[in-house]
């Protein structure tokens, strides 16, 4: 449970920093650009945090643990190699 909370806080930090940077850059032009920049920066920060979270990130399957055990067959190749 604590790990999930830490992960959520980490993702929220990335999104907040992305939104702040996007708003600051957009604010150089106008208020409307600051709003748009904040939204896009928050989205980019959240996406980066999701990708950075590792094997359980954006492109992982529900049952995938990150290992490539599907192409090993019945294990005979692993025993022969060891």
C-alpha atoms as a PDB file:
ATOM      1  CA  UNK A   1       0.000   0.000   0.000  1.00  0.00           C
ATOM      2  CA  UNK A   2       2.816   2.393   0.840  1.00  0.00           C
ATOM      3  CA  UNK A   3       4.467   1.661  -2.485  1.00  0.00           C
ATOM      4  CA  UNK A   4       1.328   2.674  -4.367  1.00  0.00           C
ATOM      5  CA  UNK A   5       1.119   5.933  -2.448  1.00  0.00           C
ATOM      6  CA  UNK A   6       4.779   6.722  -3.154  1.00  0.00           C
ATOM      7  CA  UNK A   7       4.267   5.943  -6.844  1.00  0.00           C
ATOM      8  CA  UNK A   8       1.193   8.171  -7.031  1.00  0.00           C
ATOM      9  CA  UNK A   9       3.023  11.030  -5.309  1.00  0.00           C
ATOM     10  CA  UNK A  10       5.967  10.657  -7.660  1.00  0.00           C
ATOM     11  CA  UNK A  11       3.666  10.830 -10.671  1.00  0.00           C
ATOM     12  CA  UNK A  12       1.896  13.861  -9.226  1.00  0.00           C
ATOM     13  CA  UNK A  13       5.242  15.617  -8.724  1.00  0.00           C
ATOM     14  CA  UNK A  14       6.218  15.054 -12.352  1.00  0.00           C
ATOM     15  CA  UNK A  15       2.846  16.354 -13.537  1.00  0.00           C
ATOM     16  CA  UNK A  16       3.067  19.427 -11.291  1.00  0.00           C
ATOM     17  CA  UNK A  17       6.586  20.289 -12.400  1.00  0.00           C
ATOM     18  CA  UNK A  18       5.611  19.800 -16.044  1.00  0.00           C
ATOM     19  CA  UNK A  19       2.596  22.064 -15.600  1.00  0.00           C
ATOM     20  CA  UNK A  20       4.675  24.755 -13.900  1.00  0.00           C
ATOM     21  CA  UNK A  21       7.331  24.710 -16.605  1.00  0.00           C
ATOM     22  CA  UNK A  22       4.718  24.718 -19.368  1.00  0.00           C
ATOM     23  CA  UNK A  23       2.849  27.621 -17.780  1.00  0.00           C
ATOM     24  CA  UNK A  24       6.060  29.579 -17.308  1.00  0.00           C
ATOM     25  CA  UNK A  25       7.090  29.137 -20.923  1.00  0.00           C
ATOM     26  CA  UNK A  26       3.585  29.889 -22.198  1.00  0.00           C
ATOM     27  CA  UNK A  27       3.368  32.907 -19.911  1.00  0.00           C
ATOM     28  CA  UNK A  28       6.122  34.561 -21.909  1.00  0.00           C
ATOM     29  CA  UNK A  29       3.553  35.097 -24.678  1.00  0.00           C
ATOM     30  CA  UNK A  30       0.150  35.569 -23.067  1.00  0.00           C
ATOM     31  CA  UNK A  31      -2.262  34.369 -20.391  1.00  0.00           C
ATOM     32  CA  UNK A  32      -3.988  32.088 -22.841  1.00  0.00           C
ATOM     33  CA  UNK A  33      -0.686  30.521 -23.850  1.00  0.00           C
ATOM     34  CA  UNK A  34       0.218  30.102 -20.173  1.00  0.00           C
ATOM     35  CA  UNK A  35      -2.978  28.143 -19.600  1.00  0.00           C
ATOM     36  CA  UNK A  36      -2.390  25.966 -22.635  1.00  0.00           C
ATOM     37  CA  UNK A  37       1.271  25.493 -21.753  1.00  0.00           C
ATOM     38  CA  UNK A  38       0.354  24.459 -18.223  1.00  0.00           C
ATOM     39  CA  UNK A  39      -2.094  21.858 -19.495  1.00  0.00           C
ATOM     40  CA  UNK A  40       0.321  20.458 -22.052  1.00  0.00           C
ATOM     41  CA  UNK A  41       3.205  20.504 -19.567  1.00  0.00           C
ATOM     42  CA  UNK A  42       1.124  18.629 -17.015  1.00  0.00           C
ATOM     43  CA  UNK A  43       0.212  16.035 -19.603  1.00  0.00           C
ATOM     44  CA  UNK A  44       3.846  15.657 -20.637  1.00  0.00           C
ATOM     45  CA  UNK A  45       4.949  15.339 -17.006  1.00  0.00           C
ATOM     46  CA  UNK A  46       2.333  12.710 -16.258  1.00  0.00           C
ATOM     47  CA  UNK A  47       3.302  10.764 -19.379  1.00  0.00           C
ATOM     48  CA  UNK A  48       6.978  10.915 -18.455  1.00  0.00           C
ATOM     49  CA  UNK A  49       6.218   9.680 -14.951  1.00  0.00           C
ATOM     50  CA  UNK A  50       4.171   6.803 -16.344  1.00  0.00           C
ATOM     51  CA  UNK A  51       6.949   5.764 -18.715  1.00  0.00           C
ATOM     52  CA  UNK A  52       9.592   6.123 -16.014  1.00  0.00           C
ATOM     53  CA  UNK A  53       7.710   3.872 -13.603  1.00  0.00           C
ATOM     54  CA  UNK A  54       9.343   0.815 -15.185  1.00  0.00           C
ATOM     55  CA  UNK A  55       7.987  -2.560 -16.228  1.00  0.00           C
ATOM     56  CA  UNK A  56       4.595  -1.885 -14.686  1.00  0.00           C
ATOM     57  CA  UNK A  57       4.338   1.300 -16.717  1.00  0.00           C
ATOM     58  CA  UNK A  58       2.354   2.370 -19.711  1.00  0.00           C
ATOM     59  CA  UNK A  59       3.114  -0.459 -22.141  1.00  0.00           C
ATOM     60  CA  UNK A  60       3.063  -3.427 -19.752  1.00  0.00           C
ATOM     61  CA  UNK A  61       0.404  -6.112 -20.013  1.00  0.00           C
ATOM     62  CA  UNK A  62      -1.736  -6.882 -16.967  1.00  0.00           C
ATOM     63  CA  UNK A  63      -0.122 -10.284 -16.416  1.00  0.00           C
ATOM     64  CA  UNK A  64       3.342  -9.386 -17.683  1.00  0.00           C
ATOM     65  CA  UNK A  65       6.126  -9.304 -15.112  1.00  0.00           C
ATOM     66  CA  UNK A  66       8.701  -8.000 -17.584  1.00  0.00           C
ATOM     67  CA  UNK A  67      10.450 -11.334 -18.162  1.00  0.00           C
ATOM     68  CA  UNK A  68      10.822 -13.062 -21.510  1.00  0.00           C
ATOM     69  CA  UNK A  69       9.787 -16.563 -20.491  1.00  0.00           C
ATOM     70  CA  UNK A  70       7.426 -17.133 -23.425  1.00  0.00           C
ATOM     71  CA  UNK A  71      10.163 -18.097 -25.883  1.00  0.00           C
ATOM     72  CA  UNK A  72      12.010 -20.503 -23.575  1.00  0.00           C
ATOM     73  CA  UNK A  73       9.848 -23.510 -24.334  1.00  0.00           C
ATOM     74  CA  UNK A  74       9.729 -26.259 -21.690  1.00  0.00           C
ATOM     75  CA  UNK A  75      13.012 -25.275 -20.044  1.00  0.00           C
ATOM     76  CA  UNK A  76      15.269 -27.810 -21.776  1.00  0.00           C
ATOM     77  CA  UNK A  77      17.230 -25.049 -23.489  1.00  0.00           C
ATOM     78  CA  UNK A  78      17.810 -23.296 -20.160  1.00  0.00           C
ATOM     79  CA  UNK A  79      19.046 -26.509 -18.514  1.00  0.00           C
ATOM     80  CA  UNK A  80      21.367 -27.253 -21.442  1.00  0.00           C
ATOM     81  CA  UNK A  81      22.838 -23.762 -21.360  1.00  0.00           C
ATOM     82  CA  UNK A  82      23.537 -23.911 -17.632  1.00  0.00           C
END
